Protein backbone atom coordinates (compact mmCIF):
# COMPACT_ATOMS: atom_id res chain seq x y z
CA MET A 1 20.23 3.42 9.42
CA THR A 2 16.21 4.75 10.15
CA LEU A 3 16.89 6.65 6.86
CA ASP A 4 17.94 3.24 5.01
CA LEU A 5 15.05 1.11 6.33
CA ILE A 6 12.62 2.99 5.24
CA ARG A 7 13.89 3.72 1.87
CA GLN A 8 13.89 -0.17 1.55
CA TYR A 9 11.01 -0.68 3.03
CA TYR A 10 9.37 1.26 0.86
CA ARG A 11 11.08 -0.20 -2.56
CA PHE A 12 9.04 -3.58 -0.60
CA ASN A 13 6.70 -1.94 -1.18
CA THR A 14 6.29 -0.52 -4.72
CA TRP A 15 7.67 -3.68 -5.38
CA ALA A 16 4.73 -6.45 -3.68
CA ASN A 17 2.33 -3.50 -5.11
CA ALA A 18 3.05 -3.90 -8.65
CA ARG A 19 2.73 -7.81 -8.06
CA ILE A 20 -0.34 -8.07 -6.73
CA LEU A 21 -2.13 -5.86 -9.44
CA ASP A 22 0.26 -7.62 -12.08
CA THR A 23 -1.01 -11.03 -10.69
CA SER A 24 -4.89 -9.64 -10.33
CA ALA A 25 -5.18 -8.71 -13.88
CA LEU A 26 -4.96 -12.42 -14.24
CA LEU A 27 -8.72 -12.60 -13.09
CA ASN A 28 -11.69 -11.87 -14.64
CA PRO A 29 -14.30 -9.45 -14.20
CA ASP A 30 -16.61 -11.82 -12.14
CA GLN A 31 -13.01 -12.99 -9.92
CA TYR A 32 -12.18 -9.83 -9.40
CA ARG A 33 -15.62 -8.55 -8.07
CA ALA A 34 -16.18 -11.65 -6.41
CA GLU A 35 -17.26 -11.09 -2.73
CA SER A 36 -13.85 -13.25 -1.36
CA ASN A 37 -12.79 -11.66 1.27
CA PRO A 38 -13.97 -11.20 4.75
CA SER A 39 -12.54 -7.80 5.37
CA PHE A 40 -13.27 -5.86 2.40
CA GLY A 41 -15.24 -8.24 0.45
CA SER A 42 -13.75 -8.04 -3.00
CA ILE A 43 -10.39 -7.93 -4.10
CA HIS A 44 -11.03 -4.65 -6.38
CA ASN A 45 -12.55 -3.06 -2.97
CA THR A 46 -9.48 -5.28 -0.73
CA LEU A 47 -6.87 -2.99 -3.44
CA VAL A 48 -8.96 0.00 -2.99
CA HIS A 49 -8.25 -0.12 0.59
CA ILE A 50 -4.75 -0.47 -0.03
CA MET A 51 -4.70 2.61 -2.35
CA SER A 52 -6.61 4.57 0.15
CA ALA A 53 -4.95 4.31 3.20
CA GLN A 54 -1.35 4.80 1.18
CA TRP A 55 -2.78 7.89 0.30
CA VAL A 56 -4.06 9.21 3.53
CA TRP A 57 -0.58 8.08 5.60
CA LEU A 58 0.91 10.42 2.48
CA SER A 59 -1.60 13.01 2.94
CA ARG A 60 -1.35 13.10 6.99
CA TRP A 61 2.77 12.84 5.87
CA LYS A 62 2.66 16.17 4.23
CA GLY A 63 0.25 17.88 7.02
CA ILE A 64 -3.15 17.33 5.41
CA SER A 65 -6.62 14.95 7.71
CA PRO A 66 -8.29 13.58 4.72
CA LYS A 67 -12.05 12.82 6.48
CA SER A 68 -11.84 9.43 4.66
CA HIS A 69 -10.61 6.97 2.48
CA LEU A 70 -11.19 7.14 -1.13
CA SER A 71 -14.44 4.29 -1.73
CA PRO A 72 -14.06 1.40 -4.34
CA ASP A 73 -17.48 3.09 -6.19
CA ASP A 74 -14.84 5.89 -7.54
CA PHE A 75 -12.43 3.43 -9.52
CA SER A 76 -14.26 1.29 -12.45
CA SER A 77 -11.69 -0.65 -12.86
CA LEU A 78 -8.17 -2.14 -12.27
CA ALA A 79 -6.96 0.05 -14.85
CA ALA A 80 -9.00 3.15 -13.53
CA LEU A 81 -7.39 1.71 -10.06
CA ARG A 82 -3.79 1.35 -10.92
CA ALA A 83 -4.03 5.13 -12.61
CA ARG A 84 -4.81 6.54 -9.37
CA TRP A 85 -2.30 4.42 -7.64
CA ASP A 86 0.59 5.00 -10.62
CA GLU A 87 0.16 8.84 -8.70
CA VAL A 88 -0.09 7.64 -4.84
CA GLU A 89 3.13 5.67 -5.48
CA LEU A 90 5.02 8.55 -7.25
CA ASP A 91 3.85 10.54 -4.44
CA THR A 92 5.21 9.10 -2.08
CA GLN A 93 8.44 7.83 -3.57
CA SER A 94 9.12 11.77 -3.46
CA PHE A 95 8.01 12.08 -0.08
CA VAL A 96 11.03 8.83 1.15
CA ALA A 97 13.46 10.56 -1.39
CA ALA A 98 13.00 14.24 0.36
CA CYS A 99 13.80 11.91 4.25
CA THR A 100 16.17 12.69 6.32
CA GLU A 101 17.20 10.97 9.32
CA ASP A 102 15.41 14.61 11.32
CA LYS A 103 12.35 13.89 9.71
CA LEU A 104 12.21 10.50 10.70
CA ALA A 105 12.90 10.98 13.85
CA ALA A 106 10.30 13.75 14.33
CA PRO A 107 6.77 13.65 16.04
CA LEU A 108 3.97 14.31 13.51
CA SER A 109 -0.11 15.14 14.69
CA TYR A 110 -3.02 14.27 12.22
CA ILE A 111 -6.69 13.74 13.17
CA ASN A 112 -8.16 10.74 11.59
CA PRO A 113 -11.52 10.96 10.15
CA ARG A 114 -13.66 9.83 14.11
CA GLY A 115 -11.37 13.51 14.40
CA GLU A 116 -9.25 12.02 17.00
CA SER A 117 -5.72 13.26 17.69
CA PHE A 118 -2.41 11.07 17.70
CA SER A 119 1.15 11.65 17.33
CA PHE A 120 3.70 9.52 16.88
CA PRO A 121 7.51 10.04 15.00
CA LEU A 122 7.21 9.91 11.15
CA TRP A 123 9.24 6.27 10.71
CA GLN A 124 6.96 4.42 12.57
CA MET A 125 3.94 5.60 11.23
CA MET A 126 5.80 5.07 7.54
CA LEU A 127 6.43 1.58 8.98
CA HIS A 128 2.48 0.68 9.29
CA GLN A 129 1.67 1.78 6.48
CA VAL A 130 4.12 -0.10 4.58
CA ASN A 131 2.62 -3.61 7.53
CA HIS A 132 -0.83 -2.31 7.25
CA ALA A 133 -0.34 -2.98 3.36
CA THR A 134 1.65 -6.10 4.27
CA GLN A 135 -1.54 -7.23 6.00
CA HIS A 136 -3.95 -6.53 2.66
CA ARG A 137 -1.52 -7.89 0.37
CA SER A 138 -1.53 -11.47 1.89
CA GLU A 139 -5.61 -11.42 1.80
CA VAL A 140 -5.52 -10.95 -0.93
CA ALA A 141 -2.74 -12.65 -2.43
CA MET A 142 -4.68 -15.61 -0.59
CA ILE A 143 -7.21 -15.20 -2.80
CA LEU A 144 -5.41 -14.90 -6.46
CA THR A 145 -3.34 -18.10 -5.55
CA ASN A 146 -7.59 -19.21 -4.15
CA PHE A 147 -8.48 -18.60 -8.29
CA ASP A 148 -5.57 -20.39 -9.60
CA HIS A 149 -2.90 -17.10 -10.24
CA SER A 150 -0.43 -17.01 -7.29
CA PRO A 151 1.58 -13.75 -6.94
CA GLY A 152 4.49 -15.70 -5.46
CA ALA A 153 6.39 -15.09 -2.60
CA MET A 154 5.49 -12.28 -1.07
CA ASP A 155 8.42 -12.05 1.60
CA PHE A 156 11.16 -9.17 2.21
CA LEU A 157 13.68 -10.91 2.45
CA TYR A 158 12.67 -12.55 -1.20
CA PHE A 159 12.02 -9.07 -2.94
CA LEU A 160 15.77 -8.08 -1.24
CA GLY A 161 17.02 -11.05 -2.91
CA GLN A 162 15.37 -10.26 -6.53
CA GLU A 163 16.92 -6.97 -5.72
CA ALA A 164 20.59 -7.77 -5.19
CA HIS A 165 19.92 -10.41 -8.34
CA PRO A 166 17.21 -9.42 -10.78
CA SER A 167 17.42 -12.18 -13.36
């Protein structure tokens, strides 16, 4: 049951990220870089944060504890960000495909950038990563909508309907 949920949630995460990225591509450069988000400044910075968090968590699940997140300055454009995100996404999907119920239930330890140690069952960390991405995608979706480029419905049940009945 947990394995099916994780796989479904990661299909949702991939779909939702693609919707946000596709819609962000409709912005002009000034809108994309505008200081429009109280959390991270621009859409660019927020997207880098979402992708970087996915990369950090994936690294932790593989036994590596990165000392920092990726920097928005490392990505000159949405295209450059998307190219890196495509790599992270492929690695994530490979990791998810290799998961088992036993692996998901096992506690996994990591060290955050402040040097603090934590341990949680893998499935909890994986749900956290998708939930975290959802929070920040929502911020970006609101900004996109304010720029007259709504990404449309982003809900999990909407995704399930689209997955079951693609148009």
